[in-house]
Each structure stands twice: as C-alpha cells, then as structure tokens.
Amino acid sequence: MPTLVLVRHAQAAYSYPDHTRPLLTDAGRDQAERLGRTLAREIGSFDVAVSSDATRARQTFEAIAGHVGVGSAWTDRSIYDADEADIITLARGLSGASALVVGHEPTVSLAAEILSRDEDRAGVARGVATATAMVLTFDGPWDCLGPGSCSMRLFLTPPAGREGGPMR
C-alpha cells in the first residue's frame, strides 16, 4: 500500500522576502529532529523525497533525512509557489512504496484534506502547525491518486514544548 507523507516545514525566523527567510529557529530545529525520529519509527525510509527549495523547507528535509533512509531526493522550486492541485499532480508522478513531500501552508494541509476520505479530513480542515506530518495511505498506483482516495494513517503534530514527549 503506497504511503505519501506531506510535511509542513518546521518553525523558521520571520523576515522578508519570504522565500529566503533565515534558518530554522532553535524550536524549529528541535521540531524537525523530533519529526525525523518519529518518521524513522513509523515509516523507516522513503523511496522518493522532494522538498521546496525554500531554506526552511530544505533544512526541515535535511533534519528528517538524518533519521530516515531516502532513495531519490531533490528540491523543487515549484513547491514554494504550488497550490494543492500542484502538490497532488506532483504526487501522482512519484513512484515506489513511500514518498515524502516537504512544503508550505496552506498548500500541504489542503492537499491532504482533498486526498483524505471524508472521515479523515477534520484534522487538517483549518490548517496545520509547523513540523506537522500527514501520513496518507492508498490502494493503487500513484497516478490514480485523487480526491478521497487516501486514509490518514497518522497525523503527527509537534509537542507543545521542547521538553515534550514524542510526536503524535
């Protein structure tokens, strides 16, 4: 059963212009490391991983990749400007048993909401916090990915504080 993991980047410092915002904050680095460890336990590895080329998304991906196996990986400028339909189109072109996409809000949560079955949509209906991962599974090939075709296997949110427990 293919697995698609959509991740919102971890917390970054705020500045202008948005695309080149500075490094992740201390809390953001902690969020990304925790998420990487959790995804290592829950998924193990990704056949394919793609990240927005924005600094905060690349750093989030790098932290995750430090904990999980990753087959083919690349950055894609179009994810920064993408809407939810673009993310779904990107995912339809992926391959393998598991794929990771690191992007931005509101795009990743809207894509997850569209792809999820009705009963799984509530968690993403109003957007997601930084360093949130939505783990979607579906039957069939990637090119058949579409509205309502996925089950939300896991919805991983960052802990309330840096000393908090594991993500869940």
Protein backbone atom coordinates (compact mmCIF):
# COMPACT_ATOMS: atom_id res chain seq x y z
CA MET A 1 0.00 0.00 0.00
CA PRO A 2 1.69 3.27 -1.11
CA THR A 3 2.33 5.91 1.55
CA LEU A 4 2.51 9.66 0.95
CA VAL A 5 3.81 11.87 3.75
CA LEU A 6 3.07 15.59 3.44
CA VAL A 7 5.07 17.78 5.83
CA ARG A 8 4.85 21.45 6.66
CA HIS A 9 8.34 22.84 7.27
CA ALA A 10 9.49 23.45 10.84
CA GLN A 11 9.43 26.87 12.52
CA ALA A 12 11.67 29.49 10.92
CA ALA A 13 12.56 33.05 11.78
CA TYR A 14 10.34 35.60 10.09
CA SER A 15 11.71 38.09 7.59
CA TYR A 16 11.21 39.47 4.11
CA PRO A 17 11.39 38.24 1.40
CA ASP A 18 9.58 35.10 2.47
CA HIS A 19 11.30 32.65 0.11
CA THR A 20 14.72 33.33 1.60
CA ARG A 21 13.74 33.53 5.26
CA PRO A 22 16.66 32.73 7.53
CA LEU A 23 17.48 29.49 9.26
CA LEU A 24 15.12 27.45 11.38
CA THR A 25 14.74 28.75 14.91
CA ASP A 26 16.03 26.65 17.82
CA ALA A 27 12.46 25.41 18.30
CA GLY A 28 12.24 24.66 14.57
CA ARG A 29 15.43 22.60 14.60
CA ASP A 30 14.08 20.69 17.58
CA GLN A 31 10.73 20.15 15.79
CA ALA A 32 12.43 18.85 12.65
CA GLU A 33 14.71 16.48 14.59
CA ARG A 34 11.77 15.09 16.57
CA LEU A 35 9.76 14.65 13.39
CA GLY A 36 12.68 12.83 11.76
CA ARG A 37 12.94 10.41 14.68
CA THR A 38 9.20 9.82 14.68
CA LEU A 39 9.09 9.20 10.93
CA ALA A 40 12.03 6.81 11.29
CA ARG A 41 9.97 4.77 13.78
CA GLU A 42 6.72 4.98 11.84
CA ILE A 43 7.85 4.81 8.19
CA GLY A 44 11.54 3.86 8.26
CA SER A 45 12.52 5.06 4.82
CA PHE A 46 11.27 6.84 1.72
CA ASP A 47 11.80 5.71 -1.85
CA VAL A 48 11.32 9.28 -3.05
CA ALA A 49 11.56 12.63 -1.27
CA VAL A 50 11.04 16.11 -2.65
CA SER A 51 11.26 19.43 -0.84
CA SER A 52 10.54 23.03 -1.62
CA ASP A 53 13.76 24.90 -2.29
CA ALA A 54 12.97 27.48 0.42
CA THR A 55 15.63 27.43 3.14
CA ARG A 56 13.23 26.44 5.93
CA ALA A 57 11.84 23.51 3.91
CA ARG A 58 15.31 22.28 2.88
CA GLN A 59 16.54 22.41 6.47
CA THR A 60 13.45 20.53 7.65
CA PHE A 61 14.04 17.89 4.99
CA GLU A 62 17.73 17.60 5.90
CA ALA A 63 16.85 17.03 9.57
CA ILE A 64 14.29 14.36 8.64
CA ALA A 65 16.72 12.71 6.21
CA GLY A 66 19.26 12.44 9.02
CA HIS A 67 16.95 9.88 10.64
CA VAL A 68 15.27 8.05 7.75
CA GLY A 69 16.54 6.30 4.69
CA VAL A 70 15.91 8.22 1.46
CA GLY A 71 16.25 6.78 -2.04
CA SER A 72 15.91 9.51 -4.65
CA ALA A 73 15.67 13.10 -3.36
CA TRP A 74 15.58 16.58 -4.84
CA THR A 75 14.38 20.13 -4.25
CA ASP A 76 11.76 21.71 -6.45
CA ARG A 77 11.21 25.47 -6.69
CA SER A 78 7.65 24.93 -7.90
CA ILE A 79 6.58 23.58 -4.49
CA TYR A 80 7.10 27.03 -2.97
CA ASP A 81 4.55 28.58 -5.34
CA ALA A 82 2.34 25.49 -5.61
CA ASP A 83 -1.30 25.17 -4.78
CA GLU A 84 -2.91 21.96 -3.56
CA ALA A 85 -3.67 20.75 -7.11
CA ASP A 86 0.02 21.15 -8.00
CA ILE A 87 1.06 19.04 -4.99
CA ILE A 88 -1.40 16.31 -5.96
CA THR A 89 -0.13 16.39 -9.56
CA LEU A 90 3.44 16.12 -8.26
CA ALA A 91 2.50 13.16 -6.07
CA ARG A 92 0.80 11.39 -9.00
CA GLY A 93 4.17 11.37 -10.76
CA LEU A 94 6.05 9.73 -7.87
CA SER A 95 6.97 6.07 -7.59
CA GLY A 96 7.92 3.46 -5.02
CA ALA A 97 6.19 2.40 -1.84
CA SER A 98 6.69 5.63 0.11
CA ALA A 99 7.18 9.29 -0.71
CA LEU A 100 7.85 12.44 1.31
CA VAL A 101 6.94 15.98 0.26
CA VAL A 102 8.11 18.91 2.41
CA GLY A 103 6.28 22.12 1.64
CA HIS A 104 4.31 25.04 2.97
CA GLU A 105 0.97 26.03 4.43
CA PRO A 106 -1.81 26.17 3.47
CA THR A 107 -0.86 24.01 0.48
CA VAL A 108 0.14 20.79 2.26
CA SER A 109 -2.90 20.68 4.52
CA LEU A 110 -5.26 21.49 1.64
CA ALA A 111 -3.72 18.71 -0.45
CA ALA A 112 -4.09 16.29 2.49
CA GLU A 113 -7.69 17.40 3.01
CA ILE A 114 -8.56 16.79 -0.65
CA LEU A 115 -6.82 13.41 -0.77
CA SER A 116 -8.28 12.15 2.53
CA ARG A 117 -11.50 10.25 2.96
CA ASP A 118 -14.33 12.30 4.45
CA GLU A 119 -13.89 10.80 7.94
CA ASP A 120 -10.18 11.71 7.99
CA ARG A 121 -10.44 15.36 6.96
CA ALA A 122 -11.24 17.01 10.29
CA GLY A 123 -7.62 17.20 11.49
CA VAL A 124 -6.46 19.24 8.51
CA ALA A 125 -9.55 21.32 7.79
CA ARG A 126 -8.19 24.51 9.36
CA GLY A 127 -4.52 24.15 8.51
CA VAL A 128 -1.62 22.61 10.41
CA ALA A 129 1.18 23.79 12.69
CA THR A 130 4.82 23.89 11.68
CA ALA A 131 6.53 20.47 11.56
CA THR A 132 3.26 18.60 11.12
CA ALA A 133 3.29 15.40 9.05
CA MET A 134 0.21 13.90 7.45
CA VAL A 135 0.77 10.23 6.63
CA LEU A 136 -1.62 9.12 3.89
CA THR A 137 -2.00 5.59 2.53
CA PHE A 138 -3.93 4.45 -0.52
CA ASP A 139 -4.54 1.48 -2.77
CA GLY A 140 -3.42 1.50 -6.36
CA PRO A 141 -0.75 3.24 -8.39
CA TRP A 142 0.46 6.78 -7.77
CA ASP A 143 -1.10 8.10 -10.97
CA CYS A 144 -4.57 7.20 -9.63
CA LEU A 145 -4.16 9.36 -6.52
CA GLY A 146 -7.23 11.59 -6.27
CA PRO A 147 -9.83 13.22 -4.06
CA GLY A 148 -10.93 10.99 -1.20
CA SER A 149 -8.58 8.16 -2.20
CA CYS A 150 -6.42 8.15 0.93
CA SER A 151 -6.67 7.09 4.55
CA MET A 152 -4.99 9.34 7.10
CA ARG A 153 -2.83 6.72 8.81
CA LEU A 154 -1.10 9.19 11.10
CA PHE A 155 -1.37 12.87 11.88
CA LEU A 156 1.86 13.87 13.60
CA THR A 157 1.99 17.23 15.35
CA PRO A 158 4.87 18.82 17.23
CA PRO A 159 4.89 18.60 21.03
CA ALA A 160 3.79 21.66 22.96
CA GLY A 161 7.29 22.39 24.27
CA ARG A 162 10.86 21.49 23.51
CA GLU A 163 10.86 19.14 26.51
CA GLY A 164 7.62 17.45 25.38
CA GLY A 165 7.25 13.77 24.61
CA PRO A 166 7.31 12.10 21.21
CA MET A 167 5.20 13.47 18.40
CA ARG A 168 1.71 12.06 17.95
